[in-house]
Amino acid sequence: MSDLLNVSVSPHIRAKDTTSGIMRDVLIALAPASIFGIYNFGYKALIIILVAVATCVAAEGIYEYFMHKKITVGDLSAAVTGLLIALNVPHTLPIGMVIIASIFAIIVVKQLFGGIGQNFMNPALAARCFLLISFTGPMTSFTYDAVTGATPLAVLKDGGSVDVLDMFIGQTAGTIGETSTLCILLGALYLVARKIISLRIPLAYIITFVVFIIIFGGNGFDAEYIAAHLCGGGLMLGAFFMATDYVTSPITPKGKIVFGILLGILTGIFRLFGGSAEGVSYAIIFGNLLVPLIEKFTVPRAFGIKKAKKEDK
C-alpha cells in the first residue's frame, strides 16, 4: 500500500509533532531527575538506568525483527519506557530483575498488544507493579547514605515526622527518580513549555489528592503534612510523566479532568487505607483500565446534534 494512503480509525488529529520528537522531549524532561538520581545513589543507579534502557530497546528490536514487523526503536518510545522503569525502582535492585521487568514491559504489555499506541496500560508502571508483586522484598528495601530504612511516606504512615525540605530537594530514601520533587517539576515545566502535556490531568490529580488528604488524612488542613504527601513517593513523577501518557490516558478535555480526579481518589485510598504507604502505580494502572469508559461518557457532542425530547420519541 502506498505511504500516501494511511487508513486509521477516528479521531484524526493533525499535528507536526512526531513520535520521536515527543519522546526526545520526554527524555530531556526526565534528565534532571535521572542525573540527580545518579548523584544521590551513585554508580549503581547509572548502571540500572543503562541496563533498563538498553534492554527495552533491544527487546523491542529483536521482537519486531523476528515477528517481521517494522523496526520502531528509532521512535525512542522503548528508551522512554526503559528510563521510566529505572526511575521507578530502588538502586539496590538486582540487575537481573531490572532486565526481567524491562522485557515484561516491552514484550508482554506493549508488543503483544500491537506495539506503540495499542497498549492498554502504561508499560513502565505495569513493570513496576509486576516487580512489586513478584519481588516485594527487593522492591521495598531502600538504602540512603549506606543506611537501610523506611521511606518518608512509610514514616509518615506510621505517625512519624519527616523533613519536607529534604523531600523536596531529594535527600531521602526512595526509588532512583522519585526522590527529588524539584527535579521532577523542572522536567514537567519543560514538557508544559514545549506543549507536550497539558496540565488538566496533573492538576486534577494533585488537587483531588490534596482534598482527599485534608478530609480523610486525620490532620485537617496541615500544610506540612500535605506537602510531605505531595513530595513523597512517586506522586509527582506519576502525575506529570505517566498519568499523561498519550496512549493510556483520555484524549477528551473533560475525560482528562475525570481521569485526574479518579487518580487522586484512588491514590488517597491506597495511601491512607491500604497496606502500603505508596499507591500511585496501582492508581494509574487501574485508571488506565477505565479510560475507554471515561472517554465514552465525555465525548463532546457533535455540532448541530440536539438531544431528542421525550415527546419527540
C-alpha atoms as a PDB file:
ATOM      1  CA  MET A   1       0.000   0.000   0.000  1.00  0.00           C
ATOM      2  CA  SER A   2       1.243   3.476  -0.813  1.00  0.00           C
ATOM      3  CA  ASP A   3       2.609   5.558   2.066  1.00  0.00           C
ATOM      4  CA  LEU A   4       0.324   8.336   0.833  1.00  0.00           C
ATOM      5  CA  LEU A   5      -2.748   6.358   1.837  1.00  0.00           C
ATOM      6  CA  ASN A   6      -2.987   5.736   5.574  1.00  0.00           C
ATOM      7  CA  VAL A   7      -6.237   4.289   6.871  1.00  0.00           C
ATOM      8  CA  SER A   8      -6.928   4.679  10.581  1.00  0.00           C
ATOM      9  CA  VAL A   9      -9.827   4.960  12.963  1.00  0.00           C
ATOM     10  CA  SER A  10     -11.046   8.280  14.315  1.00  0.00           C
ATOM     11  CA  PRO A  11     -10.320  10.644  15.930  1.00  0.00           C
ATOM     12  CA  HIS A  12      -7.955  12.126  13.361  1.00  0.00           C
ATOM     13  CA  ILE A  13      -5.606  14.709  14.842  1.00  0.00           C
ATOM     14  CA  ARG A  14      -3.315  16.682  12.578  1.00  0.00           C
ATOM     15  CA  ALA A  15      -0.049  17.973  14.018  1.00  0.00           C
ATOM     16  CA  LYS A  16       3.561  18.460  13.019  1.00  0.00           C
ATOM     17  CA  ASP A  17       4.751  16.577  16.093  1.00  0.00           C
ATOM     18  CA  THR A  18       6.403  13.200  15.571  1.00  0.00           C
ATOM     19  CA  THR A  19       6.601  10.302  17.992  1.00  0.00           C
ATOM     20  CA  SER A  20      10.392  10.502  18.089  1.00  0.00           C
ATOM     21  CA  GLY A  21      10.260  14.263  18.715  1.00  0.00           C
ATOM     22  CA  ILE A  22       7.808  13.870  21.593  1.00  0.00           C
ATOM     23  CA  MET A  23       9.800  11.029  23.132  1.00  0.00           C
ATOM     24  CA  ARG A  24      13.001  13.029  22.804  1.00  0.00           C
ATOM     25  CA  ASP A  25      11.403  15.851  24.764  1.00  0.00           C
ATOM     26  CA  VAL A  26      10.287  13.398  27.440  1.00  0.00           C
ATOM     27  CA  LEU A  27      13.837  12.057  27.729  1.00  0.00           C
ATOM     28  CA  ILE A  28      15.135  15.608  28.086  1.00  0.00           C
ATOM     29  CA  ALA A  29      12.488  16.355  30.729  1.00  0.00           C
ATOM     30  CA  LEU A  30      13.491  13.242  32.689  1.00  0.00           C
ATOM     31  CA  ALA A  31      17.169  14.207  32.585  1.00  0.00           C
ATOM     32  CA  PRO A  32      17.153  16.327  35.804  1.00  0.00           C
ATOM     33  CA  ALA A  33      15.581  13.528  37.862  1.00  0.00           C
ATOM     34  CA  SER A  34      17.904  10.953  36.270  1.00  0.00           C
ATOM     35  CA  ILE A  35      21.048  12.994  36.889  1.00  0.00           C
ATOM     36  CA  PHE A  36      20.039  13.715  40.474  1.00  0.00           C
ATOM     37  CA  GLY A  37      19.257  10.026  40.999  1.00  0.00           C
ATOM     38  CA  ILE A  38      22.768   9.126  39.858  1.00  0.00           C
ATOM     39  CA  TYR A  39      24.237  11.839  42.094  1.00  0.00           C
ATOM     40  CA  ASN A  40      22.086  10.714  45.007  1.00  0.00           C
ATOM     41  CA  PHE A  41      22.613   6.954  44.766  1.00  0.00           C
ATOM     42  CA  GLY A  42      25.894   6.590  42.888  1.00  0.00           C
ATOM     43  CA  TYR A  43      27.077   4.393  40.062  1.00  0.00           C
ATOM     44  CA  LYS A  44      24.528   1.652  40.802  1.00  0.00           C
ATOM     45  CA  ALA A  45      21.749   3.993  39.722  1.00  0.00           C
ATOM     46  CA  LEU A  46      23.614   4.729  36.475  1.00  0.00           C
ATOM     47  CA  ILE A  47      24.035   1.023  35.762  1.00  0.00           C
ATOM     48  CA  ILE A  48      20.326   0.350  36.320  1.00  0.00           C
ATOM     49  CA  ILE A  49      19.369   3.209  34.000  1.00  0.00           C
ATOM     50  CA  LEU A  50      21.697   2.000  31.246  1.00  0.00           C
ATOM     51  CA  VAL A  51      20.615  -1.637  31.594  1.00  0.00           C
ATOM     52  CA  ALA A  52      16.886  -0.813  31.620  1.00  0.00           C
ATOM     53  CA  VAL A  53      17.085   1.441  28.562  1.00  0.00           C
ATOM     54  CA  ALA A  54      19.327  -0.970  26.638  1.00  0.00           C
ATOM     55  CA  THR A  55      17.120  -3.974  27.475  1.00  0.00           C
ATOM     56  CA  CYS A  56      13.916  -2.232  26.417  1.00  0.00           C
ATOM     57  CA  VAL A  57      15.407  -1.065  23.115  1.00  0.00           C
ATOM     58  CA  ALA A  58      16.932  -4.491  22.417  1.00  0.00           C
ATOM     59  CA  ALA A  59      13.735  -6.356  23.360  1.00  0.00           C
ATOM     60  CA  GLU A  60      11.658  -4.194  21.024  1.00  0.00           C
ATOM     61  CA  GLY A  61      14.098  -4.503  18.132  1.00  0.00           C
ATOM     62  CA  ILE A  62      14.560  -8.270  18.487  1.00  0.00           C
ATOM     63  CA  TYR A  63      10.825  -8.946  18.823  1.00  0.00           C
ATOM     64  CA  GLU A  64       9.935  -6.844  15.793  1.00  0.00           C
ATOM     65  CA  TYR A  65      12.727  -8.425  13.747  1.00  0.00           C
ATOM     66  CA  PHE A  66      11.590 -11.998  14.390  1.00  0.00           C
ATOM     67  CA  MET A  67       7.915 -11.063  14.014  1.00  0.00           C
ATOM     68  CA  HIS A  68       8.741  -9.470  10.639  1.00  0.00           C
ATOM     69  CA  LYS A  69       7.391  -6.113  11.773  1.00  0.00           C
ATOM     70  CA  LYS A  70       8.737  -2.665  11.093  1.00  0.00           C
ATOM     71  CA  ILE A  71      11.598  -1.867  13.475  1.00  0.00           C
ATOM     72  CA  THR A  72      10.422   1.092  15.567  1.00  0.00           C
ATOM     73  CA  VAL A  73      13.242   1.557  18.089  1.00  0.00           C
ATOM     74  CA  GLY A  74      14.034   4.853  16.371  1.00  0.00           C
ATOM     75  CA  ASP A  75      10.863   6.431  17.767  1.00  0.00           C
ATOM     76  CA  LEU A  76      12.544   6.383  21.216  1.00  0.00           C
ATOM     77  CA  SER A  77       9.412   5.082  22.963  1.00  0.00           C
ATOM     78  CA  ALA A  78      11.266   1.992  24.184  1.00  0.00           C
ATOM     79  CA  ALA A  79      14.045   4.198  25.546  1.00  0.00           C
ATOM     80  CA  VAL A  80      11.483   6.262  27.475  1.00  0.00           C
ATOM     81  CA  THR A  81       9.930   3.086  28.888  1.00  0.00           C
ATOM     82  CA  GLY A  82      13.341   1.837  29.987  1.00  0.00           C
ATOM     83  CA  LEU A  83      14.225   5.120  31.668  1.00  0.00           C
ATOM     84  CA  LEU A  84      10.879   5.263  33.498  1.00  0.00           C
ATOM     85  CA  ILE A  85      11.345   1.692  34.719  1.00  0.00           C
ATOM     86  CA  ALA A  86      14.787   2.595  36.062  1.00  0.00           C
ATOM     87  CA  LEU A  87      13.488   5.706  37.806  1.00  0.00           C
ATOM     88  CA  ASN A  88      10.754   3.658  39.494  1.00  0.00           C
ATOM     89  CA  VAL A  89      12.975   1.069  41.177  1.00  0.00           C
ATOM     90  CA  PRO A  90      15.452   1.210  44.097  1.00  0.00           C
ATOM     91  CA  HIS A  91      19.132   1.497  43.194  1.00  0.00           C
ATOM     92  CA  THR A  92      19.733  -1.722  45.151  1.00  0.00           C
ATOM     93  CA  LEU A  93      17.501  -3.830  42.898  1.00  0.00           C
ATOM     94  CA  PRO A  94      19.437  -6.730  41.303  1.00  0.00           C
ATOM     95  CA  ILE A  95      20.204  -6.205  37.627  1.00  0.00           C
ATOM     96  CA  GLY A  96      18.506  -9.478  36.683  1.00  0.00           C
ATOM     97  CA  MET A  97      15.197  -8.165  37.998  1.00  0.00           C
ATOM     98  CA  VAL A  98      15.631  -4.945  36.028  1.00  0.00           C
ATOM     99  CA  ILE A  99      16.127  -6.991  32.852  1.00  0.00           C
ATOM    100  CA  ILE A 100      13.062  -9.151  33.560  1.00  0.00           C
ATOM    101  CA  ALA A 101      10.907  -6.073  34.198  1.00  0.00           C
ATOM    102  CA  SER A 102      12.122  -4.370  31.012  1.00  0.00           C
ATOM    103  CA  ILE A 103      11.362  -7.420  28.868  1.00  0.00           C
ATOM    104  CA  PHE A 104       7.941  -7.764  30.516  1.00  0.00           C
ATOM    105  CA  ALA A 105       7.110  -4.123  29.775  1.00  0.00           C
ATOM    106  CA  ILE A 106       8.098  -4.254  26.111  1.00  0.00           C
ATOM    107  CA  ILE A 107       7.050  -7.763  25.080  1.00  0.00           C
ATOM    108  CA  VAL A 108       4.031  -8.544  27.268  1.00  0.00           C
ATOM    109  CA  VAL A 109       2.478  -5.121  27.849  1.00  0.00           C
ATOM    110  CA  LYS A 110       3.433  -3.329  24.641  1.00  0.00           C
ATOM    111  CA  GLN A 111       4.256  -5.609  21.711  1.00  0.00           C
ATOM    112  CA  LEU A 112       1.790  -8.430  22.332  1.00  0.00           C
ATOM    113  CA  PHE A 113      -0.997  -5.865  22.184  1.00  0.00           C
ATOM    114  CA  GLY A 114       0.173  -4.412  18.883  1.00  0.00           C
ATOM    115  CA  GLY A 115       3.043  -2.070  19.735  1.00  0.00           C
ATOM    116  CA  ILE A 116       3.051   1.640  20.445  1.00  0.00           C
ATOM    117  CA  GLY A 117      -0.425   3.128  20.524  1.00  0.00           C
ATOM    118  CA  GLN A 118      -2.104  -0.210  21.259  1.00  0.00           C
ATOM    119  CA  ASN A 119      -1.074  -0.995  24.837  1.00  0.00           C
ATOM    120  CA  PHE A 120      -3.921  -0.608  27.329  1.00  0.00           C
ATOM    121  CA  MET A 121      -1.762   0.333  30.302  1.00  0.00           C
ATOM    122  CA  ASN A 122       1.496   2.181  30.883  1.00  0.00           C
ATOM    123  CA  PRO A 123       4.305  -0.346  30.234  1.00  0.00           C
ATOM    124  CA  ALA A 124       6.717   1.141  32.792  1.00  0.00           C
ATOM    125  CA  LEU A 125       4.140   1.148  35.576  1.00  0.00           C
ATOM    126  CA  ALA A 126       2.980  -2.337  34.622  1.00  0.00           C
ATOM    127  CA  ALA A 127       6.595  -3.454  35.002  1.00  0.00           C
ATOM    128  CA  ARG A 128       6.845  -1.753  38.399  1.00  0.00           C
ATOM    129  CA  CYS A 129       3.665  -3.445  39.621  1.00  0.00           C
ATOM    130  CA  PHE A 130       4.975  -6.761  38.267  1.00  0.00           C
ATOM    131  CA  LEU A 131       8.158  -6.286  40.305  1.00  0.00           C
ATOM    132  CA  LEU A 132       6.229  -5.277  43.429  1.00  0.00           C
ATOM    133  CA  ILE A 133       4.141  -8.446  43.225  1.00  0.00           C
ATOM    134  CA  SER A 134       6.961 -10.800  42.223  1.00  0.00           C
ATOM    135  CA  PHE A 135       9.877  -9.364  44.206  1.00  0.00           C
ATOM    136  CA  THR A 136       8.285  -7.473  47.081  1.00  0.00           C
ATOM    137  CA  GLY A 137      11.334  -7.580  49.355  1.00  0.00           C
ATOM    138  CA  PRO A 138      13.920  -6.051  46.983  1.00  0.00           C
ATOM    139  CA  MET A 139      11.372  -3.513  45.686  1.00  0.00           C
ATOM    140  CA  THR A 140      10.542  -2.238  49.181  1.00  0.00           C
ATOM    141  CA  SER A 141      14.071  -2.172  50.599  1.00  0.00           C
ATOM    142  CA  PHE A 142      15.599   1.300  50.398  1.00  0.00           C
ATOM    143  CA  THR A 143      19.093   2.457  51.284  1.00  0.00           C
ATOM    144  CA  TYR A 144      20.268   6.037  51.634  1.00  0.00           C
ATOM    145  CA  ASP A 145      23.762   7.070  52.744  1.00  0.00           C
ATOM    146  CA  ALA A 146      24.554   3.380  53.304  1.00  0.00           C
ATOM    147  CA  VAL A 147      21.712   3.116  55.838  1.00  0.00           C
ATOM    148  CA  THR A 148      18.710   0.892  55.130  1.00  0.00           C
ATOM    149  CA  GLY A 149      15.453   2.349  56.341  1.00  0.00           C
ATOM    150  CA  ALA A 150      11.886   3.278  55.589  1.00  0.00           C
ATOM    151  CA  THR A 151      10.897   5.887  53.019  1.00  0.00           C
ATOM    152  CA  PRO A 152       9.453   9.204  54.269  1.00  0.00           C
ATOM    153  CA  LEU A 153       5.965   8.063  53.263  1.00  0.00           C
ATOM    154  CA  ALA A 154       6.301   4.912  55.370  1.00  0.00           C
ATOM    155  CA  VAL A 155       7.477   7.026  58.314  1.00  0.00           C
ATOM    156  CA  LEU A 156       4.549   9.381  57.777  1.00  0.00           C
ATOM    157  CA  LYS A 157       2.084   6.491  57.622  1.00  0.00           C
ATOM    158  CA  ASP A 158       3.396   5.192  60.953  1.00  0.00           C
ATOM    159  CA  GLY A 159       2.843   8.598  62.554  1.00  0.00           C
ATOM    160  CA  GLY A 160       6.437   9.793  62.456  1.00  0.00           C
ATOM    161  CA  SER A 161       7.798  13.171  61.387  1.00  0.00           C
ATOM    162  CA  VAL A 162       9.704  13.916  58.180  1.00  0.00           C
ATOM    163  CA  ASP A 163      11.785  16.762  56.776  1.00  0.00           C
ATOM    164  CA  VAL A 164       9.742  18.246  53.929  1.00  0.00           C
ATOM    165  CA  LEU A 165      12.652  20.332  52.608  1.00  0.00           C
ATOM    166  CA  ASP A 166      14.847  17.244  52.288  1.00  0.00           C
ATOM    167  CA  MET A 167      11.987  15.511  50.486  1.00  0.00           C
ATOM    168  CA  PHE A 168      11.565  18.435  48.088  1.00  0.00           C
ATOM    169  CA  ILE A 169      15.282  18.531  47.278  1.00  0.00           C
ATOM    170  CA  GLY A 170      15.595  14.755  47.188  1.00  0.00           C
ATOM    171  CA  GLN A 171      17.877  13.912  50.093  1.00  0.00           C
ATOM    172  CA  THR A 172      15.782  10.941  51.190  1.00  0.00           C
ATOM    173  CA  ALA A 173      15.374   7.233  50.577  1.00  0.00           C
ATOM    174  CA  GLY A 174      13.239   6.130  47.660  1.00  0.00           C
ATOM    175  CA  THR A 175      13.423   4.948  44.082  1.00  0.00           C
ATOM    176  CA  ILE A 176      16.047   6.406  41.752  1.00  0.00           C
ATOM    177  CA  GLY A 177      13.845   9.047  40.142  1.00  0.00           C
ATOM    178  CA  GLU A 178      11.118   9.850  42.634  1.00  0.00           C
ATOM    179  CA  THR A 179      13.044  11.492  45.482  1.00  0.00           C
ATOM    180  CA  SER A 180      13.653  14.992  44.083  1.00  0.00           C
ATOM    181  CA  THR A 181      10.384  16.852  43.612  1.00  0.00           C
ATOM    182  CA  LEU A 182      12.388  19.869  42.453  1.00  0.00           C
ATOM    183  CA  CYS A 183      13.983  17.988  39.554  1.00  0.00           C
ATOM    184  CA  ILE A 184      10.678  16.415  38.570  1.00  0.00           C
ATOM    185  CA  LEU A 185       8.975  19.817  38.480  1.00  0.00           C
ATOM    186  CA  LEU A 186      11.794  21.240  36.343  1.00  0.00           C
ATOM    187  CA  GLY A 187      11.193  18.464  33.830  1.00  0.00           C
ATOM    188  CA  ALA A 188       7.439  18.998  33.998  1.00  0.00           C
ATOM    189  CA  LEU A 189       7.856  22.712  33.274  1.00  0.00           C
ATOM    190  CA  TYR A 190       9.857  21.782  30.175  1.00  0.00           C
ATOM    191  CA  LEU A 191       7.084  19.480  28.926  1.00  0.00           C
ATOM    192  CA  VAL A 192       4.433  22.141  29.527  1.00  0.00           C
ATOM    193  CA  ALA A 193       6.549  24.809  27.810  1.00  0.00           C
ATOM    194  CA  ARG A 194       7.019  22.510  24.821  1.00  0.00           C
ATOM    195  CA  LYS A 195       3.260  21.783  24.843  1.00  0.00           C
ATOM    196  CA  ILE A 196       3.933  18.065  25.120  1.00  0.00           C
ATOM    197  CA  ILE A 197       1.484  17.733  28.002  1.00  0.00           C
ATOM    198  CA  SER A 198      -1.420  19.794  29.297  1.00  0.00           C
ATOM    199  CA  LEU A 199      -1.987  20.496  32.975  1.00  0.00           C
ATOM    200  CA  ARG A 200      -5.523  19.089  33.060  1.00  0.00           C
ATOM    201  CA  ILE A 201      -4.575  15.628  34.318  1.00  0.00           C
ATOM    202  CA  PRO A 202      -1.729  16.615  36.716  1.00  0.00           C
ATOM    203  CA  LEU A 203      -3.666  19.482  38.321  1.00  0.00           C
ATOM    204  CA  ALA A 204      -6.897  17.482  38.641  1.00  0.00           C
ATOM    205  CA  TYR A 205      -4.852  14.621  40.105  1.00  0.00           C
ATOM    206  CA  ILE A 206      -2.924  16.721  42.630  1.00  0.00           C
ATOM    207  CA  ILE A 207      -5.847  18.934  43.712  1.00  0.00           C
ATOM    208  CA  THR A 208      -8.142  15.938  44.215  1.00  0.00           C
ATOM    209  CA  PHE A 209      -5.458  14.135  46.204  1.00  0.00           C
ATOM    210  CA  VAL A 210      -4.922  17.177  48.430  1.00  0.00           C
ATOM    211  CA  VAL A 211      -8.660  17.464  49.104  1.00  0.00           C
ATOM    212  CA  PHE A 212      -8.784  13.744  49.908  1.00  0.00           C
ATOM    213  CA  ILE A 213      -5.855  14.075  52.319  1.00  0.00           C
ATOM    214  CA  ILE A 214      -7.484  17.046  54.060  1.00  0.00           C
ATOM    215  CA  ILE A 215     -10.777  15.193  54.517  1.00  0.00           C
ATOM    216  CA  PHE A 216      -9.521  11.710  55.386  1.00  0.00           C
ATOM    217  CA  GLY A 217      -5.898  12.189  56.465  1.00  0.00           C
ATOM    218  CA  GLY A 218      -6.764  12.907  60.072  1.00  0.00           C
ATOM    219  CA  ASN A 219      -4.709  16.114  60.202  1.00  0.00           C
ATOM    220  CA  GLY A 220      -7.103  18.562  58.604  1.00  0.00           C
ATOM    221  CA  PHE A 221      -5.508  21.389  56.649  1.00  0.00           C
ATOM    222  CA  ASP A 222      -1.949  20.754  57.834  1.00  0.00           C
ATOM    223  CA  ALA A 223       0.332  22.325  55.210  1.00  0.00           C
ATOM    224  CA  GLU A 224       3.417  20.368  56.274  1.00  0.00           C
ATOM    225  CA  TYR A 225       1.539  17.057  56.250  1.00  0.00           C
ATOM    226  CA  ILE A 226       0.075  17.785  52.813  1.00  0.00           C
ATOM    227  CA  ALA A 227       3.458  18.890  51.413  1.00  0.00           C
ATOM    228  CA  ALA A 228       5.073  15.712  52.719  1.00  0.00           C
ATOM    229  CA  HIS A 229       2.494  13.598  50.906  1.00  0.00           C
ATOM    230  CA  LEU A 230       2.990  15.578  47.689  1.00  0.00           C
ATOM    231  CA  CYS A 231       6.772  15.329  47.814  1.00  0.00           C
ATOM    232  CA  GLY A 232       6.856  11.723  48.977  1.00  0.00           C
ATOM    233  CA  GLY A 233       6.720   8.655  46.814  1.00  0.00           C
ATOM    234  CA  GLY A 234       6.000   8.729  43.108  1.00  0.00           C
ATOM    235  CA  LEU A 235       3.102  11.180  43.085  1.00  0.00           C
ATOM    236  CA  MET A 236       4.823  13.974  41.149  1.00  0.00           C
ATOM    237  CA  LEU A 237       6.647  11.603  38.802  1.00  0.00           C
ATOM    238  CA  GLY A 238       3.404   9.757  38.137  1.00  0.00           C
ATOM    239  CA  ALA A 239       1.241  12.854  37.757  1.00  0.00           C
ATOM    240  CA  PHE A 240       3.421  14.572  35.155  1.00  0.00           C
ATOM    241  CA  PHE A 241       5.206  11.739  33.360  1.00  0.00           C
ATOM    242  CA  MET A 242       2.998   8.636  33.471  1.00  0.00           C
ATOM    243  CA  ALA A 243      -0.592   9.723  34.023  1.00  0.00           C
ATOM    244  CA  THR A 244      -0.183  11.990  30.971  1.00  0.00           C
ATOM    245  CA  ASP A 245       0.895   9.152  28.678  1.00  0.00           C
ATOM    246  CA  TYR A 246      -0.833   9.762  25.337  1.00  0.00           C
ATOM    247  CA  VAL A 247      -1.763   6.121  24.763  1.00  0.00           C
ATOM    248  CA  THR A 248      -3.204   5.243  28.161  1.00  0.00           C
ATOM    249  CA  SER A 249      -4.941   8.494  29.151  1.00  0.00           C
ATOM    250  CA  PRO A 250      -8.166  10.076  27.805  1.00  0.00           C
ATOM    251  CA  ILE A 251      -7.992  12.421  24.817  1.00  0.00           C
ATOM    252  CA  THR A 252     -11.157  14.367  25.609  1.00  0.00           C
ATOM    253  CA  PRO A 253     -10.761  17.548  27.720  1.00  0.00           C
ATOM    254  CA  LYS A 254     -13.448  16.513  30.218  1.00  0.00           C
ATOM    255  CA  GLY A 255     -12.107  12.991  30.222  1.00  0.00           C
ATOM    256  CA  LYS A 256      -8.665  14.224  31.293  1.00  0.00           C
ATOM    257  CA  ILE A 257     -10.180  16.007  34.293  1.00  0.00           C
ATOM    258  CA  VAL A 258     -12.294  12.976  35.250  1.00  0.00           C
ATOM    259  CA  PHE A 259      -9.215  10.779  34.872  1.00  0.00           C
ATOM    260  CA  GLY A 260      -7.156  13.069  37.124  1.00  0.00           C
ATOM    261  CA  ILE A 261      -9.895  13.147  39.767  1.00  0.00           C
ATOM    262  CA  LEU A 262     -10.109   9.348  39.683  1.00  0.00           C
ATOM    263  CA  LEU A 263      -6.351   9.015  40.157  1.00  0.00           C
ATOM    264  CA  GLY A 264      -6.372  11.448  43.082  1.00  0.00           C
ATOM    265  CA  ILE A 265      -9.096   9.495  44.860  1.00  0.00           C
ATOM    266  CA  LEU A 266      -7.503   6.112  44.203  1.00  0.00           C
ATOM    267  CA  THR A 267      -4.060   7.280  45.328  1.00  0.00           C
ATOM    268  CA  GLY A 268      -5.561   8.684  48.524  1.00  0.00           C
ATOM    269  CA  ILE A 269      -7.386   5.428  49.227  1.00  0.00           C
ATOM    270  CA  PHE A 270      -4.324   3.279  48.606  1.00  0.00           C
ATOM    271  CA  ARG A 271      -2.038   5.505  50.674  1.00  0.00           C
ATOM    272  CA  LEU A 272      -4.270   6.093  53.673  1.00  0.00           C
ATOM    273  CA  PHE A 273      -6.206   2.843  53.890  1.00  0.00           C
ATOM    274  CA  GLY A 274      -4.019   0.336  52.021  1.00  0.00           C
ATOM    275  CA  GLY A 275      -1.251  -1.838  53.372  1.00  0.00           C
ATOM    276  CA  SER A 276       1.444   0.091  51.519  1.00  0.00           C
ATOM    277  CA  ALA A 277       2.487   3.704  52.044  1.00  0.00           C
ATOM    278  CA  GLU A 278       2.526   4.232  48.247  1.00  0.00           C
ATOM    279  CA  GLY A 279      -0.311   3.878  45.766  1.00  0.00           C
ATOM    280  CA  VAL A 280       0.476   5.888  42.635  1.00  0.00           C
ATOM    281  CA  SER A 281       1.390   2.939  40.416  1.00  0.00           C
ATOM    282  CA  TYR A 282      -1.730   0.943  41.181  1.00  0.00           C
ATOM    283  CA  ALA A 283      -3.925   4.034  40.892  1.00  0.00           C
ATOM    284  CA  ILE A 284      -2.659   4.876  37.403  1.00  0.00           C
ATOM    285  CA  ILE A 285      -2.829   1.261  36.210  1.00  0.00           C
ATOM    286  CA  PHE A 286      -6.422   0.962  37.466  1.00  0.00           C
ATOM    287  CA  GLY A 287      -7.236   4.316  35.862  1.00  0.00           C
ATOM    288  CA  ASN A 288      -5.759   3.129  32.550  1.00  0.00           C
ATOM    289  CA  LEU A 289      -8.267   0.274  32.506  1.00  0.00           C
ATOM    290  CA  LEU A 290     -11.159   2.721  32.853  1.00  0.00           C
ATOM    291  CA  VAL A 291     -10.034   5.104  30.102  1.00  0.00           C
ATOM    292  CA  PRO A 292     -12.369   3.639  27.411  1.00  0.00           C
ATOM    293  CA  LEU A 293     -15.332   4.066  29.767  1.00  0.00           C
ATOM    294  CA  ILE A 294     -14.294   7.619  30.684  1.00  0.00           C
ATOM    295  CA  GLU A 295     -13.975   8.589  27.022  1.00  0.00           C
ATOM    296  CA  LYS A 296     -17.347   7.036  26.191  1.00  0.00           C
ATOM    297  CA  PHE A 297     -19.136   9.402  28.559  1.00  0.00           C
ATOM    298  CA  THR A 298     -17.013  12.509  27.916  1.00  0.00           C
ATOM    299  CA  VAL A 299     -17.020  12.668  24.125  1.00  0.00           C
ATOM    300  CA  PRO A 300     -18.079  16.204  23.100  1.00  0.00           C
ATOM    301  CA  ARG A 301     -21.458  16.390  21.392  1.00  0.00           C
ATOM    302  CA  ALA A 302     -21.183  16.852  17.647  1.00  0.00           C
ATOM    303  CA  PHE A 303     -22.027  20.346  16.397  1.00  0.00           C
ATOM    304  CA  GLY A 304     -25.677  20.517  15.320  1.00  0.00           C
ATOM    305  CA  ILE A 305     -26.756  17.447  17.266  1.00  0.00           C
ATOM    306  CA  LYS A 306     -29.753  18.042  19.507  1.00  0.00           C
ATOM    307  CA  LYS A 307     -30.785  15.662  22.245  1.00  0.00           C
ATOM    308  CA  ALA A 308     -34.193  14.233  21.489  1.00  0.00           C
ATOM    309  CA  LYS A 309     -37.015  15.149  23.871  1.00  0.00           C
ATOM    310  CA  LYS A 310     -39.328  12.540  25.295  1.00  0.00           C
ATOM    311  CA  GLU A 311     -42.311  13.821  23.292  1.00  0.00           C
ATOM    312  CA  ASP A 312     -40.258  13.545  20.076  1.00  0.00           C
ATOM    313  CA  LYS A 313     -39.638   9.870  20.567  1.00  0.00           C
END
